[in-house]
PDB file of all heavy atoms in Angstrom:
ATOM      1  N   LEU A   1       0.827  -1.215   0.000  1.00  0.00           N
ATOM      2  CA  LEU A   1       0.000   0.000   0.000  1.00  0.00           C
ATOM      3  C   LEU A   1       0.858   1.260   0.000  1.00  0.00           C
ATOM      4  O   LEU A   1       0.577   2.225  -0.712  1.00  0.00           O
ATOM      5  CB  LEU A   1      -0.917   0.010   1.219  1.00  0.00           C
ATOM      6  CG  LEU A   1      -2.329  -0.542   1.049  1.00  0.00           C
ATOM      7  CD1 LEU A   1      -3.056  -0.491   2.377  1.00  0.00           C
ATOM      8  CD2 LEU A   1      -3.115   0.241   0.011  1.00  0.00           C
ATOM      9  N   LEU A   2       1.913   1.258   0.807  1.00  0.00           N
ATOM     10  CA  LEU A   2       2.771   2.437   0.893  1.00  0.00           C
ATOM     11  C   LEU A   2       3.524   2.664  -0.416  1.00  0.00           C
ATOM     12  O   LEU A   2       3.762   3.814  -0.808  1.00  0.00           O
ATOM     13  CB  LEU A   2       3.744   2.283   2.058  1.00  0.00           C
ATOM     14  CG  LEU A   2       3.105   2.337   3.448  1.00  0.00           C
ATOM     15  CD1 LEU A   2       4.116   1.977   4.524  1.00  0.00           C
ATOM     16  CD2 LEU A   2       2.523   3.722   3.718  1.00  0.00           C
ATOM     17  N   GLU A   3       3.883   1.595  -1.093  1.00  0.00           N
ATOM     18  CA  GLU A   3       4.525   1.743  -2.402  1.00  0.00           C
ATOM     19  C   GLU A   3       3.554   2.330  -3.416  1.00  0.00           C
ATOM     20  O   GLU A   3       3.941   3.153  -4.254  1.00  0.00           O
ATOM     21  CB  GLU A   3       5.059   0.384  -2.878  1.00  0.00           C
ATOM     22  CG  GLU A   3       6.320  -0.044  -2.132  1.00  0.00           C
ATOM     23  CD  GLU A   3       6.728  -1.473  -2.429  1.00  0.00           C
ATOM     24  OE1 GLU A   3       5.889  -2.237  -2.990  1.00  0.00           O
ATOM     25  OE2 GLU A   3       7.874  -1.850  -2.101  1.00  0.00           O
ATOM     26  N   ARG A   4       2.283   1.944  -3.337  1.00  0.00           N
ATOM     27  CA  ARG A   4       1.265   2.548  -4.209  1.00  0.00           C
ATOM     28  C   ARG A   4       1.103   4.028  -3.901  1.00  0.00           C
ATOM     29  O   ARG A   4       0.987   4.853  -4.809  1.00  0.00           O
ATOM     30  CB  ARG A   4      -0.072   1.818  -4.036  1.00  0.00           C
ATOM     31  CG  ARG A   4      -0.142   0.459  -4.707  1.00  0.00           C
ATOM     32  CD  ARG A   4      -1.409  -0.292  -4.308  1.00  0.00           C
ATOM     33  NE  ARG A   4      -2.619   0.461  -4.565  1.00  0.00           N
ATOM     34  CZ  ARG A   4      -3.820   0.156  -4.070  1.00  0.00           C
ATOM     35  NH1 ARG A   4      -3.949  -0.907  -3.266  1.00  0.00           N
ATOM     36  NH2 ARG A   4      -4.882   0.888  -4.361  1.00  0.00           N
ATOM     37  N   ALA A   5       1.098   4.366  -2.617  1.00  0.00           N
ATOM     38  CA  ALA A   5       0.964   5.776  -2.233  1.00  0.00           C
ATOM     39  C   ALA A   5       2.149   6.581  -2.746  1.00  0.00           C
ATOM     40  O   ALA A   5       1.978   7.687  -3.285  1.00  0.00           O
ATOM     41  CB  ALA A   5       0.862   5.888  -0.709  1.00  0.00           C
ATOM     42  N   LYS A   6       3.346   6.043  -2.608  1.00  0.00           N
ATOM     43  CA  LYS A   6       4.536   6.760  -3.055  1.00  0.00           C
ATOM     44  C   LYS A   6       4.562   6.900  -4.582  1.00  0.00           C
ATOM     45  O   LYS A   6       5.046   7.903  -5.120  1.00  0.00           O
ATOM     46  CB  LYS A   6       5.798   6.067  -2.572  1.00  0.00           C
ATOM     47  CG  LYS A   6       7.075   6.876  -2.827  1.00  0.00           C
ATOM     48  CD  LYS A   6       8.274   6.237  -2.171  1.00  0.00           C
ATOM     49  CE  LYS A   6       9.504   7.138  -2.361  1.00  0.00           C
ATOM     50  NZ  LYS A   6       9.861   7.327  -3.774  1.00  0.00           N
ATOM     51  N   ALA A   7       4.032   5.904  -5.302  1.00  0.00           N
ATOM     52  CA  ALA A   7       3.967   6.012  -6.758  1.00  0.00           C
ATOM     53  C   ALA A   7       3.064   7.172  -7.173  1.00  0.00           C
ATOM     54  O   ALA A   7       3.312   7.850  -8.172  1.00  0.00           O
ATOM     55  CB  ALA A   7       3.469   4.702  -7.359  1.00  0.00           C
ATOM     56  N   LEU A   8       2.016   7.418  -6.386  1.00  0.00           N
ATOM     57  CA  LEU A   8       1.100   8.519  -6.678  1.00  0.00           C
ATOM     58  C   LEU A   8       1.649   9.872  -6.230  1.00  0.00           C
ATOM     59  O   LEU A   8       1.316  10.897  -6.810  1.00  0.00           O
ATOM     60  CB  LEU A   8      -0.253   8.262  -5.997  1.00  0.00           C
ATOM     61  CG  LEU A   8      -1.089   7.142  -6.613  1.00  0.00           C
ATOM     62  CD1 LEU A   8      -2.187   6.695  -5.646  1.00  0.00           C
ATOM     63  CD2 LEU A   8      -1.700   7.584  -7.937  1.00  0.00           C
ATOM     64  N   ASP A   9       2.488   9.858  -5.208  1.00  0.00           N
ATOM     65  CA  ASP A   9       3.065  11.108  -4.693  1.00  0.00           C
ATOM     66  C   ASP A   9       4.559  10.860  -4.451  1.00  0.00           C
ATOM     67  O   ASP A   9       5.018  10.739  -3.309  1.00  0.00           O
ATOM     68  CB  ASP A   9       2.354  11.482  -3.394  1.00  0.00           C
ATOM     69  CG  ASP A   9       2.497  12.963  -3.059  1.00  0.00           C
ATOM     70  OD1 ASP A   9       3.176  13.668  -3.806  1.00  0.00           O
ATOM     71  OD2 ASP A   9       1.923  13.398  -2.044  1.00  0.00           O
ATOM     72  N   PRO A  10       5.340  10.758  -5.528  1.00  0.00           N
ATOM     73  CA  PRO A  10       6.700  10.207  -5.429  1.00  0.00           C
ATOM     74  C   PRO A  10       7.683  11.040  -4.621  1.00  0.00           C
ATOM     75  O   PRO A  10       8.689  10.509  -4.156  1.00  0.00           O
ATOM     76  CB  PRO A  10       7.149  10.118  -6.893  1.00  0.00           C
ATOM     77  CG  PRO A  10       6.270  11.057  -7.640  1.00  0.00           C
ATOM     78  CD  PRO A  10       4.967  11.054  -6.918  1.00  0.00           C
ATOM     79  N   ASN A  11       7.433  12.330  -4.434  1.00  0.00           N
ATOM     80  CA  ASN A  11       8.363  13.166  -3.673  1.00  0.00           C
ATOM     81  C   ASN A  11       7.902  13.411  -2.242  1.00  0.00           C
ATOM     82  O   ASN A  11       8.416  14.306  -1.568  1.00  0.00           O
ATOM     83  CB  ASN A  11       8.560  14.511  -4.377  1.00  0.00           C
ATOM     84  CG  ASN A  11       9.281  14.355  -5.699  1.00  0.00           C
ATOM     85  OD1 ASN A  11      10.054  13.415  -5.871  1.00  0.00           O
ATOM     86  ND2 ASN A  11       9.020  15.242  -6.640  1.00  0.00           N
ATOM     87  N   ASN A  12       6.938  12.637  -1.776  1.00  0.00           N
ATOM     88  CA  ASN A  12       6.414  12.811  -0.426  1.00  0.00           C
ATOM     89  C   ASN A  12       7.358  12.132   0.568  1.00  0.00           C
ATOM     90  O   ASN A  12       7.458  10.900   0.608  1.00  0.00           O
ATOM     91  CB  ASN A  12       5.008  12.207  -0.336  1.00  0.00           C
ATOM     92  CG  ASN A  12       4.297  12.583   0.942  1.00  0.00           C
ATOM     93  OD1 ASN A  12       4.875  12.527   2.021  1.00  0.00           O
ATOM     94  ND2 ASN A  12       3.035  12.960   0.836  1.00  0.00           N
ATOM     95  N   ASP A  13       8.042  12.927   1.375  1.00  0.00           N
ATOM     96  CA  ASP A  13       9.051  12.386   2.282  1.00  0.00           C
ATOM     97  C   ASP A  13       8.448  11.544   3.395  1.00  0.00           C
ATOM     98  O   ASP A  13       9.121  10.660   3.948  1.00  0.00           O
ATOM     99  CB  ASP A  13       9.893  13.509   2.879  1.00  0.00           C
ATOM    100  CG  ASP A  13      10.853  14.116   1.862  1.00  0.00           C
ATOM    101  OD1 ASP A  13      11.252  13.391   0.939  1.00  0.00           O
ATOM    102  OD2 ASP A  13      11.182  15.309   1.976  1.00  0.00           O
ATOM    103  N   LEU A  14       7.195  11.803   3.763  1.00  0.00           N
ATOM    104  CA  LEU A  14       6.555  10.973   4.780  1.00  0.00           C
ATOM    105  C   LEU A  14       6.426   9.544   4.273  1.00  0.00           C
ATOM    106  O   LEU A  14       6.672   8.585   5.017  1.00  0.00           O
ATOM    107  CB  LEU A  14       5.185  11.534   5.152  1.00  0.00           C
ATOM    108  CG  LEU A  14       4.388  10.712   6.158  1.00  0.00           C
ATOM    109  CD1 LEU A  14       5.134  10.566   7.478  1.00  0.00           C
ATOM    110  CD2 LEU A  14       3.009  11.319   6.396  1.00  0.00           C
ATOM    111  N   TYR A  15       6.039   9.381   3.002  1.00  0.00           N
ATOM    112  CA  TYR A  15       5.931   8.041   2.440  1.00  0.00           C
ATOM    113  C   TYR A  15       7.310   7.378   2.351  1.00  0.00           C
ATOM    114  O   TYR A  15       7.461   6.182   2.595  1.00  0.00           O
ATOM    115  CB  TYR A  15       5.283   8.086   1.058  1.00  0.00           C
ATOM    116  CG  TYR A  15       3.879   8.666   1.040  1.00  0.00           C
ATOM    117  CD1 TYR A  15       3.262   9.011  -0.156  1.00  0.00           C
ATOM    118  CD2 TYR A  15       3.173   8.883   2.216  1.00  0.00           C
ATOM    119  CE1 TYR A  15       1.983   9.552  -0.180  1.00  0.00           C
ATOM    120  CE2 TYR A  15       1.909   9.425   2.205  1.00  0.00           C
ATOM    121  CZ  TYR A  15       1.310   9.766   1.007  1.00  0.00           C
ATOM    122  OH  TYR A  15       0.045  10.298   0.997  1.00  0.00           O
ATOM    123  N   ARG A  16       8.319   8.165   1.987  1.00  0.00           N
ATOM    124  CA  ARG A  16       9.698   7.650   1.971  1.00  0.00           C
ATOM    125  C   ARG A  16      10.080   7.113   3.344  1.00  0.00           C
ATOM    126  O   ARG A  16      10.649   6.020   3.461  1.00  0.00           O
ATOM    127  CB  ARG A  16      10.684   8.759   1.601  1.00  0.00           C
ATOM    128  CG  ARG A  16      10.842   9.083   0.145  1.00  0.00           C
ATOM    129  CD  ARG A  16      11.839  10.223  -0.033  1.00  0.00           C
ATOM    130  NE  ARG A  16      13.160   9.882   0.423  1.00  0.00           N
ATOM    131  CZ  ARG A  16      14.098  10.778   0.766  1.00  0.00           C
ATOM    132  NH1 ARG A  16      13.821  12.079   0.717  1.00  0.00           N
ATOM    133  NH2 ARG A  16      15.297  10.378   1.149  1.00  0.00           N
ATOM    134  N   LEU A  17       9.776   7.887   4.382  1.00  0.00           N
ATOM    135  CA  LEU A  17      10.140   7.492   5.738  1.00  0.00           C
ATOM    136  C   LEU A  17       9.406   6.230   6.159  1.00  0.00           C
ATOM    137  O   LEU A  17      10.008   5.304   6.721  1.00  0.00           O
ATOM    138  CB  LEU A  17       9.840   8.636   6.710  1.00  0.00           C
ATOM    139  CG  LEU A  17      10.065   8.325   8.192  1.00  0.00           C
ATOM    140  CD1 LEU A  17      11.506   7.936   8.456  1.00  0.00           C
ATOM    141  CD2 LEU A  17       9.665   9.527   9.054  1.00  0.00           C
ATOM    142  N   MET A  18       8.101   6.172   5.909  1.00  0.00           N
ATOM    143  CA  MET A  18       7.328   5.003   6.315  1.00  0.00           C
ATOM    144  C   MET A  18       7.806   3.749   5.592  1.00  0.00           C
ATOM    145  O   MET A  18       7.906   2.669   6.188  1.00  0.00           O
ATOM    146  CB  MET A  18       5.840   5.243   6.060  1.00  0.00           C
ATOM    147  CG  MET A  18       5.237   6.320   6.951  1.00  0.00           C
ATOM    148  SD  MET A  18       3.457   6.546   6.703  1.00  0.00           S
ATOM    149  CE  MET A  18       2.827   5.022   7.434  1.00  0.00           C
ATOM    150  N   LEU A  19       8.124   3.881   4.309  1.00  0.00           N
ATOM    151  CA  LEU A  19       8.633   2.735   3.550  1.00  0.00           C
ATOM    152  C   LEU A  19       9.980   2.282   4.085  1.00  0.00           C
ATOM    153  O   LEU A  19      10.220   1.071   4.251  1.00  0.00           O
ATOM    154  CB  LEU A  19       8.746   3.090   2.072  1.00  0.00           C
ATOM    155  CG  LEU A  19       7.472   2.977   1.243  1.00  0.00           C
ATOM    156  CD1 LEU A  19       7.643   3.648  -0.120  1.00  0.00           C
ATOM    157  CD2 LEU A  19       7.070   1.514   1.054  1.00  0.00           C
ATOM    158  N   ALA A  20      10.878   3.228   4.340  1.00  0.00           N
ATOM    159  CA  ALA A  20      12.207   2.869   4.837  1.00  0.00           C
ATOM    160  C   ALA A  20      12.125   2.243   6.222  1.00  0.00           C
ATOM    161  O   ALA A  20      12.817   1.261   6.522  1.00  0.00           O
ATOM    162  CB  ALA A  20      13.110   4.102   4.858  1.00  0.00           C
ATOM    163  N   ARG A  21      11.266   2.801   7.072  1.00  0.00           N
ATOM    164  CA  ARG A  21      11.129   2.256   8.432  1.00  0.00           C
ATOM    165  C   ARG A  21      10.575   0.835   8.405  1.00  0.00           C
ATOM    166  O   ARG A  21      11.051  -0.052   9.110  1.00  0.00           O
ATOM    167  CB  ARG A  21      10.219   3.166   9.265  1.00  0.00           C
ATOM    168  CG  ARG A  21      10.195   2.821  10.750  1.00  0.00           C
ATOM    169  CD  ARG A  21       9.078   3.556  11.453  1.00  0.00           C
ATOM    170  NE  ARG A  21       7.796   3.027  11.068  1.00  0.00           N
ATOM    171  CZ  ARG A  21       7.239   1.921  11.599  1.00  0.00           C
ATOM    172  NH1 ARG A  21       7.893   1.235  12.508  1.00  0.00           N
ATOM    173  NH2 ARG A  21       6.050   1.519  11.216  1.00  0.00           N
ATOM    174  N   LEU A  22       9.560   0.623   7.560  1.00  0.00           N
ATOM    175  CA  LEU A  22       8.970  -0.706   7.471  1.00  0.00           C
ATOM    176  C   LEU A  22       9.945  -1.688   6.829  1.00  0.00           C
ATOM    177  O   LEU A  22      10.047  -2.843   7.262  1.00  0.00           O
ATOM    178  CB  LEU A  22       7.673  -0.642   6.665  1.00  0.00           C
ATOM    179  CG  LEU A  22       6.860  -1.921   6.533  1.00  0.00           C
ATOM    180  CD1 LEU A  22       6.556  -2.527   7.904  1.00  0.00           C
ATOM    181  CD2 LEU A  22       5.562  -1.663   5.783  1.00  0.00           C
ATOM    182  N   SER A  23      10.674  -1.252   5.820  1.00  0.00           N
ATOM    183  CA  SER A  23      11.668  -2.119   5.191  1.00  0.00           C
ATOM    184  C   SER A  23      12.755  -2.497   6.188  1.00  0.00           C
ATOM    185  O   SER A  23      13.227  -3.637   6.203  1.00  0.00           O
ATOM    186  CB  SER A  23      12.291  -1.424   3.974  1.00  0.00           C
ATOM    187  OG  SER A  23      11.320  -1.178   2.986  1.00  0.00           O
ATOM    188  N   PHE A  24      13.142  -1.544   7.043  1.00  0.00           N
ATOM    189  CA  PHE A  24      14.142  -1.844   8.069  1.00  0.00           C
ATOM    190  C   PHE A  24      13.611  -2.874   9.050  1.00  0.00           C
ATOM    191  O   PHE A  24      14.328  -3.785   9.479  1.00  0.00           O
ATOM    192  CB  PHE A  24      14.539  -0.564   8.804  1.00  0.00           C
ATOM    193  CG  PHE A  24      15.449  -0.813   9.985  1.00  0.00           C
ATOM    194  CD1 PHE A  24      16.768  -1.187   9.790  1.00  0.00           C
ATOM    195  CD2 PHE A  24      14.971  -0.692  11.277  1.00  0.00           C
ATOM    196  CE1 PHE A  24      17.605  -1.436  10.877  1.00  0.00           C
ATOM    197  CE2 PHE A  24      15.793  -0.934  12.366  1.00  0.00           C
ATOM    198  CZ  PHE A  24      17.122  -1.294  12.163  1.00  0.00           C
ATOM    199  N   GLN A  25      12.336  -2.741   9.410  1.00  0.00           N
ATOM    200  CA  GLN A  25      11.726  -3.716  10.317  1.00  0.00           C
ATOM    201  C   GLN A  25      11.774  -5.122   9.732  1.00  0.00           C
ATOM    202  O   GLN A  25      11.989  -6.101  10.451  1.00  0.00           O
ATOM    203  CB  GLN A  25      10.271  -3.323  10.593  1.00  0.00           C
ATOM    204  CG  GLN A  25       9.519  -4.295  11.492  1.00  0.00           C
ATOM    205  CD  GLN A  25       8.077  -3.876  11.685  1.00  0.00           C
ATOM    206  OE1 GLN A  25       7.800  -2.758  12.100  1.00  0.00           O
ATOM    207  NE2 GLN A  25       7.144  -4.756  11.381  1.00  0.00           N
ATOM    208  N   LEU A  26      11.612  -5.217   8.402  1.00  0.00           N
ATOM    209  CA  LEU A  26      11.576  -6.521   7.755  1.00  0.00           C
ATOM    210  C   LEU A  26      12.960  -7.086   7.468  1.00  0.00           C
ATOM    211  O   LEU A  26      13.156  -8.299   7.523  1.00  0.00           O
ATOM    212  CB  LEU A  26      10.788  -6.425   6.441  1.00  0.00           C
ATOM    213  CG  LEU A  26       9.290  -6.160   6.577  1.00  0.00           C
ATOM    214  CD1 LEU A  26       8.677  -5.846   5.227  1.00  0.00           C
ATOM    215  CD2 LEU A  26       8.594  -7.366   7.202  1.00  0.00           C
ATOM    216  N   SER A  27      13.927  -6.208   7.152  1.00  0.00           N
ATOM    217  CA  SER A  27      15.226  -6.722   6.706  1.00  0.00           C
ATOM    218  C   SER A  27      16.416  -6.267   7.535  1.00  0.00           C
ATOM    219  O   SER A  27      17.474  -6.892   7.508  1.00  0.00           O
ATOM    220  CB  SER A  27      15.464  -6.328   5.243  1.00  0.00           C
ATOM    221  OG  SER A  27      15.461  -4.914   5.110  1.00  0.00           O
ATOM    222  N   GLU A  28      16.276  -5.137   8.257  1.00  0.00           N
ATOM    223  CA  GLU A  28      17.328  -4.628   9.144  1.00  0.00           C
ATOM    224  C   GLU A  28      18.653  -4.422   8.416  1.00  0.00           C
ATOM    225  O   GLU A  28      19.714  -4.816   8.901  1.00  0.00           O
ATOM    226  CB  GLU A  28      17.518  -5.575  10.341  1.00  0.00           C
ATOM    227  CG  GLU A  28      16.284  -5.745  11.190  1.00  0.00           C
ATOM    228  CD  GLU A  28      16.491  -6.691  12.352  1.00  0.00           C
ATOM    229  OE1 GLU A  28      17.666  -7.019  12.638  1.00  0.00           O
ATOM    230  OE2 GLU A  28      15.501  -7.101  12.963  1.00  0.00           O
ATOM    231  N   THR A  29      18.627  -3.789   7.258  1.00  0.00           N
ATOM    232  CA  THR A  29      19.853  -3.541   6.512  1.00  0.00           C
ATOM    233  C   THR A  29      20.287  -2.093   6.669  1.00  0.00           C
ATOM    234  O   THR A  29      19.492  -1.212   6.998  1.00  0.00           O
ATOM    235  CB  THR A  29      19.667  -3.850   5.016  1.00  0.00           C
ATOM    236  OG1 THR A  29      18.752  -2.900   4.457  1.00  0.00           O
ATOM    237  CG2 THR A  29      19.127  -5.260   4.801  1.00  0.00           C
ATOM    238  N   GLU A  30      21.569  -1.839   6.393  1.00  0.00           N
ATOM    239  CA  GLU A  30      22.124  -0.502   6.493  1.00  0.00           C
ATOM    240  C   GLU A  30      21.534   0.445   5.455  1.00  0.00           C
ATOM    241  O   GLU A  30      21.497   1.660   5.650  1.00  0.00           O
ATOM    242  CB  GLU A  30      23.646  -0.564   6.354  1.00  0.00           C
ATOM    243  CG  GLU A  30      24.355  -1.083   7.592  1.00  0.00           C
ATOM    244  CD  GLU A  30      24.113  -0.206   8.805  1.00  0.00           C
ATOM    245  OE1 GLU A  30      24.185   1.036   8.674  1.00  0.00           O
ATOM    246  OE2 GLU A  30      23.818  -0.741   9.884  1.00  0.00           O
TER     247      GLU A  30
END
C-alpha cells in the first residue's frame, strides 16, 4: 500500500520514511 501511495506522490518524504522504516523492520539492513 505504501509503495502505491509513493507512486502517486513520489516526492512525499513521509511516504519515503514510512517505507524505509517498514523495510528496516523486515530486513534490518544498512
